[in-house]
Protein backbone atom coordinates (compact mmCIF):
# COMPACT_ATOMS: atom_id res chain seq x y z
CA MET A 1 0.00 0.00 0.00
CA LYS A 2 2.83 2.40 0.78
CA GLU A 3 4.03 2.09 -2.80
CA TYR A 4 0.62 3.21 -4.02
CA LEU A 5 0.61 6.08 -1.52
CA ASP A 6 4.06 7.25 -2.61
CA PHE A 7 2.92 7.12 -6.23
CA ALA A 8 -0.15 9.23 -5.41
CA LYS A 9 1.92 11.77 -3.45
CA ASN A 10 4.33 12.17 -6.37
CA ILE A 11 1.44 12.82 -8.75
CA ALA A 12 0.09 15.35 -6.25
CA LEU A 13 3.40 17.21 -6.10
CA TYR A 14 3.51 17.35 -9.89
CA ALA A 15 -0.05 18.69 -9.88
CA GLY A 16 0.96 21.38 -7.42
CA GLU A 17 3.76 22.54 -9.67
CA VAL A 18 1.41 22.73 -12.65
CA MET A 19 -1.08 24.76 -10.61
CA LYS A 20 1.62 27.22 -9.58
CA HIS A 21 3.10 27.47 -13.08
CA TYR A 22 -0.18 28.40 -14.78
CA TYR A 23 -1.74 30.42 -11.96
CA ASN A 24 -1.22 33.73 -13.76
CA ASN A 25 -1.14 32.39 -17.30
CA PHE A 26 -3.99 30.22 -18.50
CA THR A 27 -7.03 30.21 -20.76
CA ILE A 28 -10.40 28.80 -19.82
CA SER A 29 -13.13 26.92 -21.63
CA TYR A 30 -16.49 25.51 -20.61
CA LYS A 31 -17.80 21.96 -20.51
CA GLU A 32 -21.29 20.90 -21.57
CA ASP A 33 -22.56 21.36 -18.01
CA LYS A 34 -21.31 24.98 -18.15
CA THR A 35 -18.57 24.38 -15.57
CA VAL A 36 -15.17 25.85 -16.26
CA VAL A 37 -12.08 23.85 -17.27
CA THR A 38 -8.46 24.95 -17.81
CA ILE A 39 -5.23 23.61 -19.27
CA VAL A 40 -4.27 22.82 -15.67
CA ASP A 41 -7.11 20.29 -15.25
CA LYS A 42 -6.29 18.63 -18.57
CA LYS A 43 -2.51 18.57 -18.16
CA ILE A 44 -2.63 16.98 -14.70
CA ASN A 45 -5.26 14.43 -15.73
CA SER A 46 -3.25 13.41 -18.81
CA TYR A 47 -0.05 13.10 -16.77
CA LEU A 48 -1.78 10.75 -14.32
CA ILE A 49 -2.90 8.50 -17.16
CA GLU A 50 0.63 8.43 -18.63
CA GLN A 51 2.13 7.48 -15.26
CA VAL A 52 -0.44 4.79 -14.51
CA LYS A 53 0.12 3.23 -17.95
CA GLN A 54 3.86 3.13 -17.26
CA LYS A 55 3.80 1.84 -13.67
CA TYR A 56 0.48 0.02 -13.22
CA LYS A 57 -0.41 -1.23 -16.68
CA ASN A 58 -3.32 -3.33 -15.46
CA HIS A 59 -5.00 -0.43 -13.61
CA SER A 60 -7.64 1.99 -14.92
CA VAL A 61 -8.05 5.75 -14.48
CA ASN A 62 -11.35 7.53 -13.91
CA GLY A 63 -10.61 11.24 -14.22
CA GLU A 64 -12.74 14.36 -14.09
CA GLU A 65 -11.44 15.38 -17.55
CA GLU A 66 -10.15 12.15 -19.11
CA SER A 67 -10.31 8.44 -18.33
CA TYR A 68 -8.47 5.26 -19.26
CA ASN A 69 -10.59 2.13 -18.97
CA ASN A 70 -8.63 -1.10 -18.62
CA ASN A 71 -11.54 -3.07 -17.08
CA SER A 72 -9.53 -3.34 -13.87
CA GLU A 73 -10.67 -3.87 -10.28
CA TYR A 74 -8.11 -1.17 -9.44
CA VAL A 75 -9.10 2.35 -10.55
CA TRP A 76 -7.26 5.61 -9.92
CA VAL A 77 -10.02 8.17 -9.36
CA CYS A 78 -8.91 11.77 -9.81
CA ASP A 79 -10.10 15.34 -9.74
CA PRO A 80 -7.00 17.14 -11.01
CA LEU A 81 -8.19 20.57 -9.85
CA ASP A 82 -11.08 20.55 -7.40
CA GLY A 83 -12.14 24.17 -7.16
CA THR A 84 -11.40 25.20 -10.73
CA GLY A 85 -13.79 28.13 -10.42
CA MET A 86 -11.83 29.41 -7.43
CA TYR A 87 -8.55 28.88 -9.28
CA VAL A 88 -9.58 30.96 -12.29
CA ASP A 89 -10.78 33.75 -9.98
CA HIS A 90 -7.48 33.67 -8.05
CA ILE A 91 -9.16 32.66 -4.81
CA PRO A 92 -6.80 30.18 -3.09
CA VAL A 93 -9.33 27.42 -2.41
CA PHE A 94 -8.41 24.60 -4.78
CA VAL A 95 -6.77 21.20 -4.38
CA PHE A 96 -5.66 18.07 -6.18
CA SER A 97 -7.54 14.88 -5.29
CA LEU A 98 -6.57 11.27 -6.08
CA ALA A 99 -7.71 7.90 -4.73
CA LEU A 100 -6.93 4.32 -5.57
CA VAL A 101 -10.22 2.44 -5.55
CA HIS A 102 -10.35 -1.36 -5.34
CA ASN A 103 -13.65 -2.99 -6.32
CA GLY A 104 -15.44 0.28 -5.60
CA ASN A 105 -13.77 0.95 -2.24
CA PRO A 106 -11.10 3.65 -1.76
CA ILE A 107 -7.95 2.14 -0.25
CA VAL A 108 -5.47 5.00 -0.73
CA GLY A 109 -6.32 8.69 -0.80
CA VAL A 110 -4.32 11.89 -1.27
CA ILE A 111 -5.50 15.50 -1.35
CA TYR A 112 -2.91 18.23 -1.85
CA ASP A 113 -3.50 21.89 -1.04
CA VAL A 114 -0.62 23.58 -2.83
CA THR A 115 -1.43 27.09 -1.54
CA GLU A 116 -0.78 25.92 2.04
CA ASP A 117 1.59 23.07 1.10
CA LYS A 118 -0.60 20.62 2.99
CA MET A 119 -0.57 16.98 1.92
CA TYR A 120 -3.55 15.08 3.35
CA TYR A 121 -3.48 11.31 2.96
CA ALA A 122 -4.75 7.97 4.22
CA ILE A 123 -4.32 4.25 3.70
CA LYS A 124 -7.38 2.19 4.58
CA GLY A 125 -7.11 1.00 8.17
CA HIS A 126 -4.14 3.21 9.07
CA GLY A 127 -5.61 6.59 10.04
CA ALA A 128 -5.53 9.99 8.35
CA TYR A 129 -2.64 12.44 8.22
CA CYS A 130 -1.71 15.94 7.14
CA ASN A 131 2.01 16.48 6.49
CA ASP A 132 2.70 13.31 8.53
CA ILE A 133 0.73 14.55 11.57
CA LYS A 134 -2.32 12.45 12.48
CA ILE A 135 -5.62 14.27 12.17
CA SER A 136 -9.14 13.61 13.46
CA VAL A 137 -12.65 14.97 13.19
CA ASN A 138 -14.27 17.08 15.91
CA ASP A 139 -17.02 15.91 18.26
CA LYS A 140 -19.48 18.75 17.74
CA LYS A 141 -23.17 17.91 17.58
CA LEU A 142 -25.56 19.66 15.23
CA GLY A 143 -26.69 22.88 16.88
CA GLU A 144 -23.59 23.34 19.02
CA LEU A 145 -21.63 26.56 18.87
CA GLY A 146 -19.05 26.36 16.08
CA TYR A 147 -20.81 23.64 14.09
CA ARG A 148 -20.11 24.46 10.44
CA THR A 149 -21.55 22.95 7.27
CA ASN A 150 -20.28 23.46 3.73
CA ILE A 151 -22.80 23.03 0.91
CA GLU A 152 -21.73 22.93 -2.72
CA ILE A 153 -24.41 24.86 -4.58
CA PHE A 154 -25.07 24.06 -8.22
CA GLU A 155 -27.91 22.87 -10.43
CA ASN A 156 -28.78 19.26 -9.67
CA ASN A 157 -31.67 16.82 -9.72
CA ILE A 158 -31.01 15.09 -6.42
CA ILE A 159 -31.74 17.60 -3.63
CA ASP A 160 -33.57 20.88 -3.02
CA GLU A 161 -30.60 22.85 -1.70
CA VAL A 162 -32.46 26.12 -1.12
CA ALA A 163 -35.05 24.50 1.15
CA LEU A 164 -32.34 22.49 2.89
CA ILE A 165 -30.23 25.57 3.63
CA ASN A 166 -33.28 27.44 4.89
CA GLU A 167 -33.80 24.83 7.62
CA LEU A 168 -30.18 23.89 8.29
CA LYS A 169 -29.10 27.49 8.93
CA LYS A 170 -31.08 27.34 12.20
CA TYR A 171 -28.59 24.79 13.54
CA SER A 172 -25.33 25.41 11.71
CA LYS A 173 -23.16 28.07 10.15
CA ILE A 174 -23.32 27.60 6.37
CA SER A 175 -20.57 28.14 3.83
CA SER A 176 -19.90 27.28 0.20
CA ILE A 177 -16.16 27.54 -0.34
CA GLY A 178 -16.08 26.13 -3.87
CA SER A 179 -14.11 22.93 -3.26
CA VAL A 180 -15.72 19.91 -1.66
CA ALA A 181 -12.37 18.18 -1.29
CA ARG A 182 -10.90 21.14 0.59
CA SER A 183 -13.93 21.45 2.87
CA SER A 184 -13.73 17.69 3.50
CA MET A 185 -10.17 18.15 4.70
CA ALA A 186 -11.45 20.82 7.09
CA ILE A 187 -13.83 18.14 8.42
CA ALA A 188 -11.03 15.57 8.69
CA SER A 189 -8.94 18.13 10.60
CA GLY A 190 -11.74 19.10 12.99
CA TYR A 191 -12.54 22.61 11.70
CA PHE A 192 -15.77 21.91 9.80
CA SER A 193 -18.33 19.29 10.84
CA CYS A 194 -20.29 18.52 7.68
CA ASP A 195 -20.34 18.86 3.89
CA ILE A 196 -23.38 18.23 1.69
CA PHE A 197 -22.47 17.51 -1.92
CA PRO A 198 -25.12 17.10 -4.65
CA GLY A 199 -22.78 15.92 -7.42
CA THR A 200 -23.66 12.81 -9.44
CA ASN A 201 -21.93 12.49 -12.84
CA HIS A 202 -18.19 12.26 -12.14
CA GLY A 203 -18.99 13.11 -8.51
CA ASN A 204 -16.88 10.15 -7.46
CA CYS A 205 -13.83 12.05 -8.72
CA ASP A 206 -14.56 14.78 -6.16
CA ILE A 207 -15.35 12.44 -3.26
CA ALA A 208 -13.29 9.22 -3.47
CA ALA A 209 -10.17 10.49 -1.69
CA SER A 210 -12.22 12.62 0.72
CA TYR A 211 -14.29 9.57 1.68
CA LEU A 212 -11.23 7.63 2.77
CA ILE A 213 -9.43 10.47 4.55
CA VAL A 214 -12.54 11.59 6.45
CA THR A 215 -13.54 8.08 7.50
CA GLU A 216 -9.98 7.27 8.57
CA ALA A 217 -10.09 10.50 10.64
CA GLY A 218 -13.17 9.15 12.46
CA GLY A 219 -15.97 10.60 10.33
CA LYS A 220 -18.85 9.07 8.43
CA VAL A 221 -19.64 9.42 4.71
CA THR A 222 -22.65 8.12 2.74
CA ASP A 223 -24.58 9.09 -0.35
CA LEU A 224 -27.45 11.58 0.01
CA TYR A 225 -29.88 8.73 0.66
CA GLY A 226 -27.88 7.35 3.58
CA ASN A 227 -26.36 4.45 1.65
CA GLU A 228 -22.83 3.23 1.07
CA GLN A 229 -21.78 3.53 -2.56
CA ARG A 230 -19.04 2.65 -5.01
CA TYR A 231 -16.43 5.26 -5.86
CA ASP A 232 -15.27 3.98 -9.25
CA SER A 233 -18.39 5.27 -11.03
CA ASP A 234 -21.00 8.04 -10.79
CA ILE A 235 -22.41 8.61 -7.31
CA ASN A 236 -25.62 9.81 -5.64
CA GLY A 237 -24.05 12.84 -4.01
CA ALA A 238 -22.47 12.68 -0.57
CA ILE A 239 -23.01 13.49 3.09
CA ILE A 240 -19.59 13.99 4.67
CA THR A 241 -19.64 14.36 8.46
CA ASN A 242 -17.71 14.15 11.69
CA GLY A 243 -19.74 11.02 12.46
CA ILE A 244 -21.30 12.05 15.76
CA SER A 245 -23.69 14.44 14.01
CA TYR A 246 -24.50 12.21 11.05
CA GLU A 247 -27.93 10.94 12.18
CA ASP A 248 -29.21 14.44 13.04
CA ILE A 249 -27.97 15.84 9.73
CA PHE A 250 -29.46 12.96 7.78
CA LYS A 251 -32.91 13.47 9.35
CA ILE A 252 -32.95 16.97 7.89
CA ILE A 253 -31.39 16.08 4.52
CA LYS A 254 -33.87 13.28 3.75
CA LYS A 255 -36.74 15.80 3.86
CA TYR A 256 -35.31 17.52 0.80
CA THR A 257 -33.83 14.72 -1.31
CA ILE A 258 -35.64 14.06 -4.55
CA LYS A 259 -36.89 10.48 -4.78
CA GLN A 260 -35.04 8.25 -7.20
């Protein structure tokens, strides 16, 4: 497992250099869903595929911008630049996210915040770390002072976010920082307590590494319907929590989820 972790960290460091190199010199384009994409996203994603083909020829890659399907039970799931919108607006809330998923379950996860030079990582069953220091979630209950929830707000067909926020703001401070992976690391480190993510198509690329790091830090993560899910394919959103507050959060969320 350590070999896989070292591989993921090296990809993350390369991604960080690409982010820094293009920070003041890039062009943008838009995908079909009207979200922004840059040369940074594409360059990092392509580099990952090249490296996987060289080192782990039997593995697959499921990337936010580009994939390589080798029909493998091992899949490298990547969001090369989570928070692209923040990146293009020069707001330093963006990270690189990469997980190795085995039969749908994340077993290695790395998230790199280049602006703070913070490398978050986990191996399944071995805890969660930031720059080699062990991290853990907080023990705040919903409604307690300092309980903070991040909600990624964008058009979706899985949850009524406006109605949800209207109720949840009675019990929690609400933010939307523009990077679910970065807010998840705030949960894993004990600063935030919850993140509600409505992403479906390619949503696994945003969540796979976060799932592992948060759960290894003591938190609990499910889809928006309260179920476990695979992370090598599209997902049904995500509820990412410190664990202790999960049941109370879920009672509120299920009022506003749209039935499948």
